[in-house]
Amino acid sequence: DLGGNILKKERFAYADTTTPLETVTYEYGDAAWRDKLTAVNGNDIAYDAIGNPLNDGTWTYTWQNGRQLQKMQKPGVT
């Protein structure tokens, strides 16, 4: 976009093809913080009061001492 944010990522096979194998879309919907990622592939991202992501629709993040990532959890993954 005009702010330099990545709007999508496409992955292609190593062949002559114009159809991507995978497309990931990114959204930035916070008017007060224009480069804050708010969704990936339509999954909203929740943040805590200091800007740490808490979950992204797939992973849940736990933080300690402010901005130190303590753990990431995903259902079915230990």
PDB file of N, CA and C in Angstrom:
ATOM      1  N   ASP A   1       0.832  -1.189   0.000  1.00  0.00           N
ATOM      2  CA  ASP A   1       0.000   0.000   0.000  1.00  0.00           C
ATOM      3  C   ASP A   1       0.876   1.252   0.000  1.00  0.00           C
ATOM      4  N   LEU A   2       0.284   2.406   0.111  1.00  0.00           N
ATOM      5  CA  LEU A   2       1.048   3.651   0.056  1.00  0.00           C
ATOM      6  C   LEU A   2       1.940   3.854   1.278  1.00  0.00           C
ATOM      7  N   GLY A   3       1.634   3.136   2.371  1.00  0.00           N
ATOM      8  CA  GLY A   3       2.451   3.236   3.573  1.00  0.00           C
ATOM      9  C   GLY A   3       3.584   2.229   3.621  1.00  0.00           C
ATOM     10  N   GLY A   4       3.723   1.415   2.579  1.00  0.00           N
ATOM     11  CA  GLY A   4       4.789   0.424   2.529  1.00  0.00           C
ATOM     12  C   GLY A   4       4.445  -0.905   3.176  1.00  0.00           C
ATOM     13  N   ASN A   5       3.184  -1.099   3.542  1.00  0.00           N
ATOM     14  CA  ASN A   5       2.759  -2.349   4.161  1.00  0.00           C
ATOM     15  C   ASN A   5       2.568  -3.442   3.116  1.00  0.00           C
ATOM     16  N   ILE A   6       2.945  -4.661   3.454  1.00  0.00           N
ATOM     17  CA  ILE A   6       2.736  -5.813   2.567  1.00  0.00           C
ATOM     18  C   ILE A   6       1.265  -6.202   2.633  1.00  0.00           C
ATOM     19  N   LEU A   7       0.604  -6.283   1.493  1.00  0.00           N
ATOM     20  CA  LEU A   7      -0.813  -6.615   1.452  1.00  0.00           C
ATOM     21  C   LEU A   7      -1.079  -8.083   1.161  1.00  0.00           C
ATOM     22  N   LYS A   8      -0.157  -8.742   0.452  1.00  0.00           N
ATOM     23  CA  LYS A   8      -0.320 -10.173   0.222  1.00  0.00           C
ATOM     24  C   LYS A   8       1.011 -10.801  -0.134  1.00  0.00           C
ATOM     25  N   LYS A   9       1.072 -12.109   0.115  1.00  0.00           N
ATOM     26  CA  LYS A   9       2.252 -12.899  -0.224  1.00  0.00           C
ATOM     27  C   LYS A   9       1.762 -14.099  -1.022  1.00  0.00           C
ATOM     28  N   GLU A  10       2.380 -14.336  -2.167  1.00  0.00           N
ATOM     29  CA  GLU A  10       1.999 -15.471  -3.005  1.00  0.00           C
ATOM     30  C   GLU A  10       3.185 -16.412  -3.159  1.00  0.00           C
ATOM     31  N   ARG A  11       2.890 -17.712  -3.122  1.00  0.00           N
ATOM     32  CA  ARG A  11       3.924 -18.734  -3.308  1.00  0.00           C
ATOM     33  C   ARG A  11       3.597 -19.506  -4.573  1.00  0.00           C
ATOM     34  N   PHE A  12       4.593 -19.660  -5.437  1.00  0.00           N
ATOM     35  CA  PHE A  12       4.417 -20.324  -6.725  1.00  0.00           C
ATOM     36  C   PHE A  12       5.281 -21.574  -6.804  1.00  0.00           C
ATOM     37  N   ALA A  13       4.861 -22.520  -7.643  1.00  0.00           N
ATOM     38  CA  ALA A  13       5.659 -23.709  -7.922  1.00  0.00           C
ATOM     39  C   ALA A  13       6.834 -23.313  -8.807  1.00  0.00           C
ATOM     40  N   TYR A  14       7.881 -24.118  -8.773  1.00  0.00           N
ATOM     41  CA  TYR A  14       9.039 -23.873  -9.639  1.00  0.00           C
ATOM     42  C   TYR A  14       8.740 -24.427 -11.031  1.00  0.00           C
ATOM     43  N   ALA A  15       7.840 -23.769 -11.703  1.00  0.00           N
ATOM     44  CA  ALA A  15       7.439 -24.171 -13.053  1.00  0.00           C
ATOM     45  C   ALA A  15       6.844 -22.944 -13.732  1.00  0.00           C
ATOM     46  N   ASP A  16       6.571 -23.077 -14.998  1.00  0.00           N
ATOM     47  CA  ASP A  16       5.926 -21.987 -15.729  1.00  0.00           C
ATOM     48  C   ASP A  16       4.445 -21.976 -15.384  1.00  0.00           C
ATOM     49  N   THR A  17       4.087 -21.177 -14.398  1.00  0.00           N
ATOM     50  CA  THR A  17       2.693 -21.089 -13.983  1.00  0.00           C
ATOM     51  C   THR A  17       2.400 -19.674 -13.493  1.00  0.00           C
ATOM     52  N   THR A  18       1.187 -19.266 -13.663  1.00  0.00           N
ATOM     53  CA  THR A  18       0.776 -17.958 -13.162  1.00  0.00           C
ATOM     54  C   THR A  18      -0.219 -18.103 -12.017  1.00  0.00           C
ATOM     55  N   THR A  19      -0.526 -19.342 -11.633  1.00  0.00           N
ATOM     56  CA  THR A  19      -1.455 -19.594 -10.541  1.00  0.00           C
ATOM     57  C   THR A  19      -0.665 -19.881  -9.262  1.00  0.00           C
ATOM     58  N   PRO A  20      -0.867 -19.071  -8.224  1.00  0.00           N
ATOM     59  CA  PRO A  20      -0.114 -19.308  -6.989  1.00  0.00           C
ATOM     60  C   PRO A  20      -0.590 -20.571  -6.272  1.00  0.00           C
ATOM     61  N   LEU A  21       0.342 -21.250  -5.610  1.00  0.00           N
ATOM     62  CA  LEU A  21       0.000 -22.400  -4.774  1.00  0.00           C
ATOM     63  C   LEU A  21      -0.659 -21.945  -3.480  1.00  0.00           C
ATOM     64  N   GLU A  22      -0.260 -20.765  -3.022  1.00  0.00           N
ATOM     65  CA  GLU A  22      -0.765 -20.237  -1.760  1.00  0.00           C
ATOM     66  C   GLU A  22      -0.746 -18.716  -1.816  1.00  0.00           C
ATOM     67  N   THR A  23      -1.783 -18.097  -1.258  1.00  0.00           N
ATOM     68  CA  THR A  23      -1.835 -16.647  -1.125  1.00  0.00           C
ATOM     69  C   THR A  23      -2.190 -16.313   0.317  1.00  0.00           C
ATOM     70  N   VAL A  24      -1.406 -15.448   0.936  1.00  0.00           N
ATOM     71  CA  VAL A  24      -1.662 -14.978   2.292  1.00  0.00           C
ATOM     72  C   VAL A  24      -1.949 -13.487   2.196  1.00  0.00           C
ATOM     73  N   THR A  25      -3.071 -13.048   2.773  1.00  0.00           N
ATOM     74  CA  THR A  25      -3.432 -11.632   2.735  1.00  0.00           C
ATOM     75  C   THR A  25      -3.227 -10.997   4.113  1.00  0.00           C
ATOM     76  N   TYR A  26      -2.861  -9.715   4.093  1.00  0.00           N
ATOM     77  CA  TYR A  26      -2.586  -8.962   5.314  1.00  0.00           C
ATOM     78  C   TYR A  26      -3.445  -7.703   5.319  1.00  0.00           C
ATOM     79  N   GLU A  27      -4.006  -7.368   6.499  1.00  0.00           N
ATOM     80  CA  GLU A  27      -4.844  -6.176   6.633  1.00  0.00           C
ATOM     81  C   GLU A  27      -4.302  -5.273   7.737  1.00  0.00           C
ATOM     82  N   TYR A  28      -4.434  -3.975   7.508  1.00  0.00           N
ATOM     83  CA  TYR A  28      -3.977  -2.950   8.446  1.00  0.00           C
ATOM     84  C   TYR A  28      -5.144  -2.001   8.670  1.00  0.00           C
ATOM     85  N   GLY A  29      -5.990  -2.278   9.683  1.00  0.00           N
ATOM     86  CA  GLY A  29      -7.229  -1.537   9.836  1.00  0.00           C
ATOM     87  C   GLY A  29      -7.307  -0.632  11.038  1.00  0.00           C
ATOM     88  N   ASP A  30      -6.191  -0.200  11.576  1.00  0.00           N
ATOM     89  CA  ASP A  30      -6.191   0.669  12.749  1.00  0.00           C
ATOM     90  C   ASP A  30      -5.832   2.087  12.308  1.00  0.00           C
ATOM     91  N   ALA A  31      -6.802   2.997  12.362  1.00  0.00           N
ATOM     92  CA  ALA A  31      -6.581   4.367  11.889  1.00  0.00           C
ATOM     93  C   ALA A  31      -5.538   5.109  12.733  1.00  0.00           C
ATOM     94  N   ALA A  32      -5.404   4.745  14.008  1.00  0.00           N
ATOM     95  CA  ALA A  32      -4.447   5.424  14.883  1.00  0.00           C
ATOM     96  C   ALA A  32      -3.024   4.889  14.720  1.00  0.00           C
ATOM     97  N   TRP A  33      -2.895   3.681  14.162  1.00  0.00           N
ATOM     98  CA  TRP A  33      -1.580   3.041  14.018  1.00  0.00           C
ATOM     99  C   TRP A  33      -1.577   2.369  12.657  1.00  0.00           C
ATOM    100  N   ARG A  34      -1.240   3.111  11.622  1.00  0.00           N
ATOM    101  CA  ARG A  34      -1.446   2.697  10.233  1.00  0.00           C
ATOM    102  C   ARG A  34      -0.664   1.471   9.791  1.00  0.00           C
ATOM    103  N   ASP A  35       0.446   1.138  10.442  1.00  0.00           N
ATOM    104  CA  ASP A  35       1.184  -0.059  10.039  1.00  0.00           C
ATOM    105  C   ASP A  35       0.973  -1.228  11.011  1.00  0.00           C
ATOM    106  N   LYS A  36      -0.061  -1.137  11.837  1.00  0.00           N
ATOM    107  CA  LYS A  36      -0.395  -2.216  12.771  1.00  0.00           C
ATOM    108  C   LYS A  36      -1.168  -3.296  12.019  1.00  0.00           C
ATOM    109  N   LEU A  37      -0.611  -4.494  11.989  1.00  0.00           N
ATOM    110  CA  LEU A  37      -1.253  -5.622  11.326  1.00  0.00           C
ATOM    111  C   LEU A  37      -2.485  -6.019  12.125  1.00  0.00           C
ATOM    112  N   THR A  38      -3.668  -5.980  11.503  1.00  0.00           N
ATOM    113  CA  THR A  38      -4.911  -6.265  12.222  1.00  0.00           C
ATOM    114  C   THR A  38      -5.546  -7.591  11.834  1.00  0.00           C
ATOM    115  N   ALA A  39      -5.143  -8.183  10.698  1.00  0.00           N
ATOM    116  CA  ALA A  39      -5.687  -9.487  10.299  1.00  0.00           C
ATOM    117  C   ALA A  39      -4.762 -10.153   9.287  1.00  0.00           C
ATOM    118  N   VAL A  40      -4.722 -11.487   9.347  1.00  0.00           N
ATOM    119  CA  VAL A  40      -4.002 -12.302   8.368  1.00  0.00           C
ATOM    120  C   VAL A  40      -4.996 -13.320   7.831  1.00  0.00           C
ATOM    121  N   ASN A  41      -5.184 -13.324   6.523  1.00  0.00           N
ATOM    122  CA  ASN A  41      -6.158 -14.211   5.872  1.00  0.00           C
ATOM    123  C   ASN A  41      -7.543 -14.103   6.497  1.00  0.00           C
ATOM    124  N   GLY A  42      -7.920 -12.902   6.905  1.00  0.00           N
ATOM    125  CA  GLY A  42      -9.240 -12.675   7.477  1.00  0.00           C
ATOM    126  C   GLY A  42      -9.352 -12.987   8.957  1.00  0.00           C
ATOM    127  N   ASN A  43      -8.292 -13.505   9.579  1.00  0.00           N
ATOM    128  CA  ASN A  43      -8.287 -13.788  11.018  1.00  0.00           C
ATOM    129  C   ASN A  43      -7.776 -12.567  11.769  1.00  0.00           C
ATOM    130  N   ASP A  44      -8.646 -12.007  12.624  1.00  0.00           N
ATOM    131  CA  ASP A  44      -8.271 -10.817  13.385  1.00  0.00           C
ATOM    132  C   ASP A  44      -7.146 -11.113  14.365  1.00  0.00           C
ATOM    133  N   ILE A  45      -6.314 -10.108  14.603  1.00  0.00           N
ATOM    134  CA  ILE A  45      -5.225 -10.198  15.572  1.00  0.00           C
ATOM    135  C   ILE A  45      -5.583  -9.311  16.759  1.00  0.00           C
ATOM    136  N   ALA A  46      -5.563  -9.898  17.966  1.00  0.00           N
ATOM    137  CA  ALA A  46      -5.826  -9.144  19.190  1.00  0.00           C
ATOM    138  C   ALA A  46      -4.495  -8.740  19.812  1.00  0.00           C
ATOM    139  N   TYR A  47      -4.456  -7.529  20.384  1.00  0.00           N
ATOM    140  CA  TYR A  47      -3.245  -6.995  21.009  1.00  0.00           C
ATOM    141  C   TYR A  47      -3.517  -6.611  22.454  1.00  0.00           C
ATOM    142  N   ASP A  48      -2.470  -6.642  23.290  1.00  0.00           N
ATOM    143  CA  ASP A  48      -2.603  -6.149  24.655  1.00  0.00           C
ATOM    144  C   ASP A  48      -2.386  -4.635  24.667  1.00  0.00           C
ATOM    145  N   ALA A  49      -2.415  -4.050  25.854  1.00  0.00           N
ATOM    146  CA  ALA A  49      -2.344  -2.590  25.986  1.00  0.00           C
ATOM    147  C   ALA A  49      -1.029  -1.999  25.491  1.00  0.00           C
ATOM    148  N   ILE A  50       0.061  -2.774  25.477  1.00  0.00           N
ATOM    149  CA  ILE A  50       1.346  -2.220  25.032  1.00  0.00           C
ATOM    150  C   ILE A  50       1.719  -2.664  23.619  1.00  0.00           C
ATOM    151  N   GLY A  51       0.782  -3.312  22.923  1.00  0.00           N
ATOM    152  CA  GLY A  51       1.010  -3.631  21.517  1.00  0.00           C
ATOM    153  C   GLY A  51       1.501  -5.028  21.208  1.00  0.00           C
ATOM    154  N   ASN A  52       1.581  -5.905  22.207  1.00  0.00           N
ATOM    155  CA  ASN A  52       1.964  -7.291  21.946  1.00  0.00           C
ATOM    156  C   ASN A  52       0.777  -8.056  21.367  1.00  0.00           C
ATOM    157  N   PRO A  53       0.976  -8.844  20.321  1.00  0.00           N
ATOM    158  CA  PRO A  53      -0.132  -9.658  19.819  1.00  0.00           C
ATOM    159  C   PRO A  53      -0.481 -10.749  20.829  1.00  0.00           C
ATOM    160  N   LEU A  54      -1.784 -10.962  21.051  1.00  0.00           N
ATOM    161  CA  LEU A  54      -2.240 -11.995  21.981  1.00  0.00           C
ATOM    162  C   LEU A  54      -2.685 -13.252  21.252  1.00  0.00           C
ATOM    163  N   ASN A  55      -3.323 -13.082  20.110  1.00  0.00           N
ATOM    164  CA  ASN A  55      -3.660 -14.231  19.266  1.00  0.00           C
ATOM    165  C   ASN A  55      -3.919 -13.750  17.859  1.00  0.00           C
ATOM    166  N   ASP A  56      -3.767 -14.687  16.924  1.00  0.00           N
ATOM    167  CA  ASP A  56      -3.921 -14.339  15.514  1.00  0.00           C
ATOM    168  C   ASP A  56      -4.891 -15.267  14.789  1.00  0.00           C
ATOM    169  N   GLY A  57      -5.741 -15.947  15.559  1.00  0.00           N
ATOM    170  CA  GLY A  57      -6.679 -16.880  14.955  1.00  0.00           C
ATOM    171  C   GLY A  57      -6.124 -18.289  14.859  1.00  0.00           C
ATOM    172  N   THR A  58      -4.815 -18.443  14.998  1.00  0.00           N
ATOM    173  CA  THR A  58      -4.165 -19.755  14.986  1.00  0.00           C
ATOM    174  C   THR A  58      -3.354 -19.950  16.258  1.00  0.00           C
ATOM    175  N   TRP A  59      -2.501 -19.011  16.567  1.00  0.00           N
ATOM    176  CA  TRP A  59      -1.605 -19.084  17.720  1.00  0.00           C
ATOM    177  C   TRP A  59      -2.084 -18.150  18.826  1.00  0.00           C
ATOM    178  N   THR A  60      -1.816 -18.542  20.087  1.00  0.00           N
ATOM    179  CA  THR A  60      -2.019 -17.689  21.249  1.00  0.00           C
ATOM    180  C   THR A  60      -0.643 -17.393  21.831  1.00  0.00           C
ATOM    181  N   TYR A  61      -0.379 -16.120  22.109  1.00  0.00           N
ATOM    182  CA  TYR A  61       0.934 -15.679  22.578  1.00  0.00           C
ATOM    183  C   TYR A  61       0.843 -15.230  24.033  1.00  0.00           C
ATOM    184  N   THR A  62       1.822 -15.626  24.840  1.00  0.00           N
ATOM    185  CA  THR A  62       1.916 -15.209  26.233  1.00  0.00           C
ATOM    186  C   THR A  62       3.221 -14.437  26.402  1.00  0.00           C
ATOM    187  N   TRP A  63       3.119 -13.267  27.056  1.00  0.00           N
ATOM    188  CA  TRP A  63       4.263 -12.366  27.202  1.00  0.00           C
ATOM    189  C   TRP A  63       4.642 -12.232  28.663  1.00  0.00           C
ATOM    190  N   GLN A  64       5.914 -11.971  28.922  1.00  0.00           N
ATOM    191  CA  GLN A  64       6.398 -11.700  30.273  1.00  0.00           C
ATOM    192  C   GLN A  64       7.356 -10.516  30.234  1.00  0.00           C
ATOM    193  N   ASN A  65       7.480  -9.841  31.353  1.00  0.00           N
ATOM    194  CA  ASN A  65       8.396  -8.696  31.463  1.00  0.00           C
ATOM    195  C   ASN A  65       8.203  -7.693  30.331  1.00  0.00           C
ATOM    196  N   GLY A  66       6.968  -7.400  30.029  1.00  0.00           N
ATOM    197  CA  GLY A  66       6.687  -6.432  28.965  1.00  0.00           C
ATOM    198  C   GLY A  66       6.633  -7.056  27.596  1.00  0.00           C
ATOM    199  N   ARG A  67       7.737  -7.019  26.863  1.00  0.00           N
ATOM    200  CA  ARG A  67       7.744  -7.467  25.474  1.00  0.00           C
ATOM    201  C   ARG A  67       8.513  -8.763  25.231  1.00  0.00           C
ATOM    202  N   GLN A  68       8.750  -9.549  26.265  1.00  0.00           N
ATOM    203  CA  GLN A  68       9.475 -10.815  26.099  1.00  0.00           C
ATOM    204  C   GLN A  68       8.467 -11.944  25.875  1.00  0.00           C
ATOM    205  N   LEU A  69       8.547 -12.573  24.714  1.00  0.00           N
ATOM    206  CA  LEU A  69       7.637 -13.674  24.400  1.00  0.00           C
ATOM    207  C   LEU A  69       7.969 -14.868  25.285  1.00  0.00           C
ATOM    208  N   GLN A  70       6.988 -15.316  26.066  1.00  0.00           N
ATOM    209  CA  GLN A  70       7.185 -16.446  26.966  1.00  0.00           C
ATOM    210  C   GLN A  70       6.837 -17.760  26.275  1.00  0.00           C
ATOM    211  N   LYS A  71       5.685 -17.786  25.568  1.00  0.00           N
ATOM    212  CA  LYS A  71       5.312 -19.004  24.854  1.00  0.00           C
ATOM    213  C   LYS A  71       4.285 -18.709  23.772  1.00  0.00           C
ATOM    214  N   MET A  72       4.222 -19.648  22.836  1.00  0.00           N
ATOM    215  CA  MET A  72       3.222 -19.637  21.771  1.00  0.00           C
ATOM    216  C   MET A  72       2.476 -20.959  21.877  1.00  0.00           C
ATOM    217  N   GLN A  73       1.152 -20.910  21.789  1.00  0.00           N
ATOM    218  CA  GLN A  73       0.354 -22.122  21.859  1.00  0.00           C
ATOM    219  C   GLN A  73      -0.577 -22.196  20.660  1.00  0.00           C
ATOM    220  N   LYS A  74      -0.754 -23.417  20.170  1.00  0.00           N
ATOM    221  CA  LYS A  74      -1.656 -23.679  19.060  1.00  0.00           C
ATOM    222  C   LYS A  74      -2.433 -24.935  19.425  1.00  0.00           C
ATOM    223  N   PRO A  75      -3.742 -24.953  19.244  1.00  0.00           N
ATOM    224  CA  PRO A  75      -4.501 -26.155  19.584  1.00  0.00           C
ATOM    225  C   PRO A  75      -3.911 -27.402  18.919  1.00  0.00           C
ATOM    226  N   GLY A  76      -3.682 -28.432  19.725  1.00  0.00           N
ATOM    227  CA  GLY A  76      -3.146 -29.677  19.207  1.00  0.00           C
ATOM    228  C   GLY A  76      -1.638 -29.727  19.106  1.00  0.00           C
ATOM    229  N   VAL A  77      -0.956 -28.628  19.450  1.00  0.00           N
ATOM    230  CA  VAL A  77       0.506 -28.580  19.386  1.00  0.00           C
ATOM    231  C   VAL A  77       1.034 -28.284  20.788  1.00  0.00           C
ATOM    232  N   THR A  78       1.971 -29.086  21.254  1.00  0.00           N
ATOM    233  CA  THR A  78       2.528 -28.850  22.589  1.00  0.00           C
ATOM    234  C   THR A  78       4.003 -28.537  22.497  1.00  0.00           C
TER     235      THR A  78
END
